[in-house]
Amino acid sequence: MRASIHKQITALQMSGRHPSGTNVNPQASRIRTGAIGMALAGILFTVYETAAPREDETTLDGAAAWASAGWTVGHLAAIVGLILIPLTWGSLRGFVEDTPLEKPALLAAITGSIGSALSISYYGAEVYGLKAIGERAVAVGDASLTEAGDAFRTDATAVTVFAIGLALIALAAILAASIVWRSGTMNRWSAVPMAVAMITYLPHFYLPQPARIVWGALVTASALWIAVEMWRAANSGKREPSIA
């Protein structure tokens, strides 16, 4: 079955023709764009974990961290990263169009997009809500105001929406890893580390800061591996100019 899918994909990769007379993968531009997006997403997750300061959030130091530029930059980086990853899953369709793997690739993109949308709603509160609370607490010198931030962070609705979003993000990454594994167009292991990283997205929030930075580095390394493999695979669809 895997060999049959690989033959279909190879045939499709070789079926396009560039106006110059060179046969190319007609989806190469989409795939390269996805590779760039994935690489950028990976870098942004390291920015997220390193730029946002982490302090005792029941103190004025914690409030100052919420009000800092690093907090805003870090969380905005995560938001952009969450937007880019499912777009990359969508670009995987360029490898598997008109094969049995096309529907799973579309499902990965849709699932990931929904998951990111749900998760970003929580990140928005982190960026704007906690920043406002932190600024107010620092201005009046009242650390007890940080309790308001903890209240909406642990709100049942907020936590449920965030958890569902992260679960969908993990599911999308698993689907994408399965597609890469079965397609034969990229190193079959190249999307597995990203799936592991997305599965551990929620648990990583309970780790100490150094371990969180390691997790961010894992996302970056995983994303760069996928990006390199996508770029190479897009280029491998080219053929020499036809003589006929």
C-alpha atoms as a PDB file:
ATOM      1  CA  MET A   1       0.000   0.000   0.000  1.00  0.00           C
ATOM      2  CA  ARG A   2       2.781   2.423   0.957  1.00  0.00           C
ATOM      3  CA  ALA A   3       4.707   1.602  -2.225  1.00  0.00           C
ATOM      4  CA  SER A   4       1.589   2.215  -4.316  1.00  0.00           C
ATOM      5  CA  ILE A   5       1.005   5.625  -2.715  1.00  0.00           C
ATOM      6  CA  HIS A   6       4.660   6.531  -3.202  1.00  0.00           C
ATOM      7  CA  LYS A   7       4.443   5.647  -6.921  1.00  0.00           C
ATOM      8  CA  GLN A   8       1.344   7.822  -7.319  1.00  0.00           C
ATOM      9  CA  ILE A   9       3.030  10.739  -5.594  1.00  0.00           C
ATOM     10  CA  THR A  10       6.215  10.363  -7.657  1.00  0.00           C
ATOM     11  CA  ALA A  11       4.228  10.281 -10.866  1.00  0.00           C
ATOM     12  CA  LEU A  12       2.324  13.413  -9.867  1.00  0.00           C
ATOM     13  CA  GLN A  13       5.509  15.219  -8.892  1.00  0.00           C
ATOM     14  CA  MET A  14       6.900  14.568 -12.358  1.00  0.00           C
ATOM     15  CA  SER A  15       3.736  15.471 -14.254  1.00  0.00           C
ATOM     16  CA  GLY A  16       3.988  19.277 -14.167  1.00  0.00           C
ATOM     17  CA  ARG A  17       5.660  21.354 -16.831  1.00  0.00           C
ATOM     18  CA  HIS A  18       7.254  24.777 -16.361  1.00  0.00           C
ATOM     19  CA  PRO A  19       6.751  27.357 -19.157  1.00  0.00           C
ATOM     20  CA  SER A  20      10.505  27.265 -19.808  1.00  0.00           C
ATOM     21  CA  GLY A  21      10.211  23.646 -20.820  1.00  0.00           C
ATOM     22  CA  THR A  22      11.420  22.211 -17.532  1.00  0.00           C
ATOM     23  CA  ASN A  23       9.176  19.688 -15.838  1.00  0.00           C
ATOM     24  CA  VAL A  24       8.521  20.706 -12.240  1.00  0.00           C
ATOM     25  CA  ASN A  25       6.261  19.837  -9.385  1.00  0.00           C
ATOM     26  CA  PRO A  26       3.244  22.147  -9.939  1.00  0.00           C
ATOM     27  CA  GLN A  27       2.866  22.421  -6.155  1.00  0.00           C
ATOM     28  CA  ALA A  28       6.534  23.306  -5.549  1.00  0.00           C
ATOM     29  CA  SER A  29       5.843  26.947  -4.711  1.00  0.00           C
ATOM     30  CA  ARG A  30       3.174  25.996  -2.172  1.00  0.00           C
ATOM     31  CA  ILE A  31       5.497  23.448  -0.593  1.00  0.00           C
ATOM     32  CA  ARG A  32       8.416  25.885  -0.356  1.00  0.00           C
ATOM     33  CA  THR A  33       6.139  28.521   1.175  1.00  0.00           C
ATOM     34  CA  GLY A  34       5.037  25.948   3.737  1.00  0.00           C
ATOM     35  CA  ALA A  35       8.669  25.101   4.475  1.00  0.00           C
ATOM     36  CA  ILE A  36       9.488  28.758   5.126  1.00  0.00           C
ATOM     37  CA  GLY A  37       6.421  29.109   7.337  1.00  0.00           C
ATOM     38  CA  MET A  38       7.352  26.040   9.369  1.00  0.00           C
ATOM     39  CA  ALA A  39      10.923  27.230   9.863  1.00  0.00           C
ATOM     40  CA  LEU A  40       9.680  30.617  11.041  1.00  0.00           C
ATOM     41  CA  ALA A  41       7.141  28.990  13.375  1.00  0.00           C
ATOM     42  CA  GLY A  42       9.872  26.913  14.973  1.00  0.00           C
ATOM     43  CA  ILE A  43      12.077  29.947  15.600  1.00  0.00           C
ATOM     44  CA  LEU A  44       9.143  31.836  17.093  1.00  0.00           C
ATOM     45  CA  PHE A  45       8.574  29.129  19.708  1.00  0.00           C
ATOM     46  CA  THR A  46      12.111  29.569  20.976  1.00  0.00           C
ATOM     47  CA  VAL A  47      11.453  33.320  21.099  1.00  0.00           C
ATOM     48  CA  TYR A  48       8.300  32.558  23.097  1.00  0.00           C
ATOM     49  CA  GLU A  49      10.086  30.531  25.733  1.00  0.00           C
ATOM     50  CA  THR A  50      13.139  32.780  26.046  1.00  0.00           C
ATOM     51  CA  ALA A  51      11.657  36.279  25.732  1.00  0.00           C
ATOM     52  CA  ALA A  52       8.791  35.979  28.229  1.00  0.00           C
ATOM     53  CA  PRO A  53      10.112  36.459  31.797  1.00  0.00           C
ATOM     54  CA  ARG A  54       8.977  33.955  34.416  1.00  0.00           C
ATOM     55  CA  GLU A  55       8.675  35.128  38.016  1.00  0.00           C
ATOM     56  CA  ASP A  56       6.601  34.255  41.057  1.00  0.00           C
ATOM     57  CA  GLU A  57       3.244  35.439  39.752  1.00  0.00           C
ATOM     58  CA  THR A  58       1.855  36.166  43.205  1.00  0.00           C
ATOM     59  CA  THR A  59       4.396  38.966  43.705  1.00  0.00           C
ATOM     60  CA  LEU A  60       5.068  42.400  42.248  1.00  0.00           C
ATOM     61  CA  ASP A  61       7.979  40.872  40.343  1.00  0.00           C
ATOM     62  CA  GLY A  62       5.466  38.591  38.652  1.00  0.00           C
ATOM     63  CA  ALA A  63       3.216  41.543  37.907  1.00  0.00           C
ATOM     64  CA  ALA A  64       6.185  43.397  36.403  1.00  0.00           C
ATOM     65  CA  ALA A  65       6.909  40.364  34.228  1.00  0.00           C
ATOM     66  CA  TRP A  66       3.348  40.462  32.870  1.00  0.00           C
ATOM     67  CA  ALA A  67       3.738  44.157  32.093  1.00  0.00           C
ATOM     68  CA  SER A  68       7.095  43.745  30.362  1.00  0.00           C
ATOM     69  CA  ALA A  69       7.826  43.984  26.644  1.00  0.00           C
ATOM     70  CA  GLY A  70       9.334  40.501  26.767  1.00  0.00           C
ATOM     71  CA  TRP A  71       6.009  39.048  27.919  1.00  0.00           C
ATOM     72  CA  THR A  72       4.176  40.671  25.024  1.00  0.00           C
ATOM     73  CA  VAL A  73       6.788  39.755  22.415  1.00  0.00           C
ATOM     74  CA  GLY A  74       7.016  36.167  23.631  1.00  0.00           C
ATOM     75  CA  HIS A  75       3.292  35.517  23.570  1.00  0.00           C
ATOM     76  CA  LEU A  76       2.761  37.248  20.232  1.00  0.00           C
ATOM     77  CA  ALA A  77       5.521  35.013  18.858  1.00  0.00           C
ATOM     78  CA  ALA A  78       3.601  31.942  20.052  1.00  0.00           C
ATOM     79  CA  ILE A  79       0.398  33.237  18.442  1.00  0.00           C
ATOM     80  CA  VAL A  80       2.090  33.705  15.057  1.00  0.00           C
ATOM     81  CA  GLY A  81       3.735  30.296  15.380  1.00  0.00           C
ATOM     82  CA  LEU A  82       0.363  28.674  16.027  1.00  0.00           C
ATOM     83  CA  ILE A  83      -1.014  30.312  12.887  1.00  0.00           C
ATOM     84  CA  LEU A  84       1.880  29.150  10.700  1.00  0.00           C
ATOM     85  CA  ILE A  85       2.018  25.478  11.707  1.00  0.00           C
ATOM     86  CA  PRO A  86      -1.404  24.413  10.359  1.00  0.00           C
ATOM     87  CA  LEU A  87      -0.732  26.395   7.184  1.00  0.00           C
ATOM     88  CA  THR A  88       2.301  24.189   6.698  1.00  0.00           C
ATOM     89  CA  TRP A  89       0.201  21.066   7.183  1.00  0.00           C
ATOM     90  CA  GLY A  90      -2.010  22.405   4.422  1.00  0.00           C
ATOM     91  CA  SER A  91       0.972  22.725   2.100  1.00  0.00           C
ATOM     92  CA  LEU A  92       1.679  18.996   2.541  1.00  0.00           C
ATOM     93  CA  ARG A  93      -1.223  18.464   0.159  1.00  0.00           C
ATOM     94  CA  GLY A  94       1.194  19.483  -2.560  1.00  0.00           C
ATOM     95  CA  PHE A  95       2.902  16.120  -2.100  1.00  0.00           C
ATOM     96  CA  VAL A  96      -0.201  13.977  -1.946  1.00  0.00           C
ATOM     97  CA  GLU A  97      -2.795  15.629  -4.185  1.00  0.00           C
ATOM     98  CA  ASP A  98      -4.984  13.087  -5.989  1.00  0.00           C
ATOM     99  CA  THR A  99      -3.713  10.250  -3.793  1.00  0.00           C
ATOM    100  CA  PRO A 100      -5.363   8.474  -0.829  1.00  0.00           C
ATOM    101  CA  LEU A 101      -3.360  10.740   1.497  1.00  0.00           C
ATOM    102  CA  GLU A 102      -4.910  13.978   0.249  1.00  0.00           C
ATOM    103  CA  LYS A 103      -7.928  13.806   2.572  1.00  0.00           C
ATOM    104  CA  PRO A 104      -5.803  13.118   5.685  1.00  0.00           C
ATOM    105  CA  ALA A 105      -3.586  16.076   4.711  1.00  0.00           C
ATOM    106  CA  LEU A 106      -6.633  18.320   4.429  1.00  0.00           C
ATOM    107  CA  LEU A 107      -7.919  16.989   7.752  1.00  0.00           C
ATOM    108  CA  ALA A 108      -4.567  17.791   9.409  1.00  0.00           C
ATOM    109  CA  ALA A 109      -4.736  21.364   8.127  1.00  0.00           C
ATOM    110  CA  ILE A 110      -8.340  21.876   9.222  1.00  0.00           C
ATOM    111  CA  THR A 111      -7.862  20.225  12.615  1.00  0.00           C
ATOM    112  CA  GLY A 112      -4.708  22.216  13.272  1.00  0.00           C
ATOM    113  CA  SER A 113      -6.363  25.490  12.248  1.00  0.00           C
ATOM    114  CA  ILE A 114      -9.297  24.932  14.593  1.00  0.00           C
ATOM    115  CA  GLY A 115      -6.948  23.947  17.395  1.00  0.00           C
ATOM    116  CA  SER A 116      -4.812  27.031  16.875  1.00  0.00           C
ATOM    117  CA  ALA A 117      -7.861  29.305  16.802  1.00  0.00           C
ATOM    118  CA  LEU A 118      -9.098  27.933  20.122  1.00  0.00           C
ATOM    119  CA  SER A 119      -5.657  28.142  21.732  1.00  0.00           C
ATOM    120  CA  ILE A 120      -4.968  31.649  20.475  1.00  0.00           C
ATOM    121  CA  SER A 121      -8.054  32.907  22.319  1.00  0.00           C
ATOM    122  CA  TYR A 122      -6.325  31.936  25.579  1.00  0.00           C
ATOM    123  CA  TYR A 123      -3.022  33.453  24.492  1.00  0.00           C
ATOM    124  CA  GLY A 124      -4.847  36.693  23.750  1.00  0.00           C
ATOM    125  CA  ALA A 125      -5.900  36.900  27.381  1.00  0.00           C
ATOM    126  CA  GLU A 126      -2.290  36.226  28.400  1.00  0.00           C
ATOM    127  CA  VAL A 127      -0.978  39.025  26.196  1.00  0.00           C
ATOM    128  CA  TYR A 128      -3.544  41.745  26.839  1.00  0.00           C
ATOM    129  CA  GLY A 129      -5.329  40.806  30.057  1.00  0.00           C
ATOM    130  CA  LEU A 130      -2.306  39.926  32.179  1.00  0.00           C
ATOM    131  CA  LYS A 131      -0.394  42.914  30.814  1.00  0.00           C
ATOM    132  CA  ALA A 132      -3.131  45.286  31.996  1.00  0.00           C
ATOM    133  CA  ILE A 133      -3.336  43.592  35.399  1.00  0.00           C
ATOM    134  CA  GLY A 134       0.448  43.652  35.781  1.00  0.00           C
ATOM    135  CA  GLU A 135       0.685  47.333  34.908  1.00  0.00           C
ATOM    136  CA  ARG A 136      -2.031  48.199  37.409  1.00  0.00           C
ATOM    137  CA  ALA A 137      -0.502  46.091  40.183  1.00  0.00           C
ATOM    138  CA  VAL A 138       2.915  47.687  39.695  1.00  0.00           C
ATOM    139  CA  ALA A 139       1.429  51.188  39.504  1.00  0.00           C
ATOM    140  CA  VAL A 140      -0.390  50.880  42.837  1.00  0.00           C
ATOM    141  CA  GLY A 141       2.123  48.536  44.467  1.00  0.00           C
ATOM    142  CA  ASP A 142      -0.517  45.904  45.213  1.00  0.00           C
ATOM    143  CA  ALA A 143       0.552  42.319  44.486  1.00  0.00           C
ATOM    144  CA  SER A 144      -2.907  41.010  45.421  1.00  0.00           C
ATOM    145  CA  LEU A 145      -4.196  42.233  42.055  1.00  0.00           C
ATOM    146  CA  THR A 146      -2.400  39.288  40.444  1.00  0.00           C
ATOM    147  CA  GLU A 147      -5.177  37.109  41.852  1.00  0.00           C
ATOM    148  CA  ALA A 148      -7.423  38.431  39.093  1.00  0.00           C
ATOM    149  CA  GLY A 149      -5.040  37.039  36.498  1.00  0.00           C
ATOM    150  CA  ASP A 150      -5.030  33.654  38.168  1.00  0.00           C
ATOM    151  CA  ALA A 151      -8.845  33.725  38.281  1.00  0.00           C
ATOM    152  CA  PHE A 152      -9.361  33.994  34.536  1.00  0.00           C
ATOM    153  CA  ARG A 153      -6.426  31.678  33.788  1.00  0.00           C
ATOM    154  CA  THR A 154      -8.085  28.914  35.794  1.00  0.00           C
ATOM    155  CA  ASP A 155     -11.643  29.682  34.677  1.00  0.00           C
ATOM    156  CA  ALA A 156     -13.310  26.410  33.685  1.00  0.00           C
ATOM    157  CA  THR A 157     -14.407  27.653  30.274  1.00  0.00           C
ATOM    158  CA  ALA A 158     -11.007  29.157  29.453  1.00  0.00           C
ATOM    159  CA  VAL A 159      -9.113  26.051  30.523  1.00  0.00           C
ATOM    160  CA  THR A 160     -11.466  23.725  28.632  1.00  0.00           C
ATOM    161  CA  VAL A 161     -11.242  25.708  25.393  1.00  0.00           C
ATOM    162  CA  PHE A 162      -7.462  25.898  25.681  1.00  0.00           C
ATOM    163  CA  ALA A 163      -7.112  22.176  26.400  1.00  0.00           C
ATOM    164  CA  ILE A 164      -9.347  21.232  23.457  1.00  0.00           C
ATOM    165  CA  GLY A 165      -7.332  23.529  21.219  1.00  0.00           C
ATOM    166  CA  LEU A 166      -4.033  21.972  22.254  1.00  0.00           C
ATOM    167  CA  ALA A 167      -5.474  18.469  21.823  1.00  0.00           C
ATOM    168  CA  LEU A 168      -6.498  19.318  18.256  1.00  0.00           C
ATOM    169  CA  ILE A 169      -3.060  20.787  17.558  1.00  0.00           C
ATOM    170  CA  ALA A 170      -1.495  17.532  18.765  1.00  0.00           C
ATOM    171  CA  LEU A 171      -3.898  15.463  16.662  1.00  0.00           C
ATOM    172  CA  ALA A 172      -3.037  17.511  13.570  1.00  0.00           C
ATOM    173  CA  ALA A 173       0.680  16.960  14.154  1.00  0.00           C
ATOM    174  CA  ILE A 174       0.110  13.200  14.523  1.00  0.00           C
ATOM    175  CA  LEU A 175      -1.854  13.148  11.257  1.00  0.00           C
ATOM    176  CA  ALA A 176       0.901  15.116   9.521  1.00  0.00           C
ATOM    177  CA  ALA A 177       3.573  12.744  10.826  1.00  0.00           C
ATOM    178  CA  SER A 178       1.549   9.804   9.527  1.00  0.00           C
ATOM    179  CA  ILE A 179       1.245  11.443   6.094  1.00  0.00           C
ATOM    180  CA  VAL A 180       4.971  12.125   5.900  1.00  0.00           C
ATOM    181  CA  TRP A 181       5.736   8.574   7.030  1.00  0.00           C
ATOM    182  CA  ARG A 182       3.488   7.007   4.400  1.00  0.00           C
ATOM    183  CA  SER A 183       4.137   9.356   1.494  1.00  0.00           C
ATOM    184  CA  GLY A 184       7.785   8.484   0.932  1.00  0.00           C
ATOM    185  CA  THR A 185       8.554  12.024  -0.280  1.00  0.00           C
ATOM    186  CA  MET A 186      10.426  13.105   2.868  1.00  0.00           C
ATOM    187  CA  ASN A 187      12.492  11.390   5.535  1.00  0.00           C
ATOM    188  CA  ARG A 188       9.816   9.344   7.249  1.00  0.00           C
ATOM    189  CA  TRP A 189      11.000  10.357  10.733  1.00  0.00           C
ATOM    190  CA  SER A 190      11.144  14.087  10.000  1.00  0.00           C
ATOM    191  CA  ALA A 191       7.668  14.978  11.328  1.00  0.00           C
ATOM    192  CA  VAL A 192       7.752  12.648  14.341  1.00  0.00           C
ATOM    193  CA  PRO A 193       9.627  15.034  16.702  1.00  0.00           C
ATOM    194  CA  MET A 194       7.092  17.773  15.966  1.00  0.00           C
ATOM    195  CA  ALA A 195       4.263  15.392  16.832  1.00  0.00           C
ATOM    196  CA  VAL A 196       6.015  14.607  20.130  1.00  0.00           C
ATOM    197  CA  ALA A 197       6.479  18.322  20.827  1.00  0.00           C
ATOM    198  CA  MET A 198       2.815  19.099  20.177  1.00  0.00           C
ATOM    199  CA  ILE A 199       1.664  16.153  22.296  1.00  0.00           C
ATOM    200  CA  THR A 200       3.708  17.576  25.187  1.00  0.00           C
ATOM    201  CA  TYR A 201       2.521  21.162  24.615  1.00  0.00           C
ATOM    202  CA  LEU A 202       0.104  21.194  27.568  1.00  0.00           C
ATOM    203  CA  PRO A 203       2.327  19.292  30.046  1.00  0.00           C
ATOM    204  CA  HIS A 204       5.282  21.566  29.310  1.00  0.00           C
ATOM    205  CA  PHE A 205       3.533  24.460  31.082  1.00  0.00           C
ATOM    206  CA  TYR A 206       4.164  22.678  34.386  1.00  0.00           C
ATOM    207  CA  LEU A 207       7.932  22.443  33.829  1.00  0.00           C
ATOM    208  CA  PRO A 208      10.535  24.818  35.308  1.00  0.00           C
ATOM    209  CA  GLN A 209      11.754  27.586  33.023  1.00  0.00           C
ATOM    210  CA  PRO A 210      14.986  25.849  31.862  1.00  0.00           C
ATOM    211  CA  ALA A 211      12.974  22.796  30.813  1.00  0.00           C
ATOM    212  CA  ARG A 212      10.476  25.015  29.004  1.00  0.00           C
ATOM    213  CA  ILE A 213      13.316  26.541  27.028  1.00  0.00           C
ATOM    214  CA  VAL A 214      14.456  23.035  26.088  1.00  0.00           C
ATOM    215  CA  TRP A 215      10.922  22.297  24.886  1.00  0.00           C
ATOM    216  CA  GLY A 216      10.990  25.462  22.775  1.00  0.00           C
ATOM    217  CA  ALA A 217      14.303  24.349  21.291  1.00  0.00           C
ATOM    218  CA  LEU A 218      12.728  20.961  20.486  1.00  0.00           C
ATOM    219  CA  VAL A 219       9.938  22.696  18.573  1.00  0.00           C
ATOM    220  CA  THR A 220      12.497  24.783  16.695  1.00  0.00           C
ATOM    221  CA  ALA A 221      14.685  21.807  15.776  1.00  0.00           C
ATOM    222  CA  SER A 222      11.641  19.765  14.746  1.00  0.00           C
ATOM    223  CA  ALA A 223      10.267  22.567  12.599  1.00  0.00           C
ATOM    224  CA  LEU A 224      13.601  23.176  10.886  1.00  0.00           C
ATOM    225  CA  TRP A 225      13.944  19.473  10.061  1.00  0.00           C
ATOM    226  CA  ILE A 226      10.494  19.450   8.479  1.00  0.00           C
ATOM    227  CA  ALA A 227      11.274  22.665   6.586  1.00  0.00           C
ATOM    228  CA  VAL A 228      14.521  21.287   5.161  1.00  0.00           C
ATOM    229  CA  GLU A 229      12.857  18.042   4.116  1.00  0.00           C
ATOM    230  CA  MET A 230       9.953  19.877   2.474  1.00  0.00           C
ATOM    231  CA  TRP A 231      12.328  22.136   0.557  1.00  0.00           C
ATOM    232  CA  ARG A 232      14.406  19.200  -0.644  1.00  0.00           C
ATOM    233  CA  ALA A 233      11.340  17.230  -1.622  1.00  0.00           C
ATOM    234  CA  ALA A 234       9.947  20.185  -3.579  1.00  0.00           C
ATOM    235  CA  ASN A 235      13.216  20.504  -5.468  1.00  0.00           C
ATOM    236  CA  SER A 236      13.392  16.780  -6.141  1.00  0.00           C
ATOM    237  CA  GLY A 237      10.224  17.080  -8.234  1.00  0.00           C
ATOM    238  CA  LYS A 238      12.197  18.912 -10.934  1.00  0.00           C
ATOM    239  CA  ARG A 239      13.280  17.180 -14.104  1.00  0.00           C
ATOM    240  CA  GLU A 240      15.706  18.081 -16.829  1.00  0.00           C
ATOM    241  CA  PRO A 241      14.277  20.072 -19.766  1.00  0.00           C
ATOM    242  CA  SER A 242      12.403  17.855 -22.162  1.00  0.00           C
ATOM    243  CA  ILE A 243      14.060  17.308 -25.545  1.00  0.00           C
ATOM    244  CA  ALA A 244      10.882  16.202 -27.262  1.00  0.00           C
END
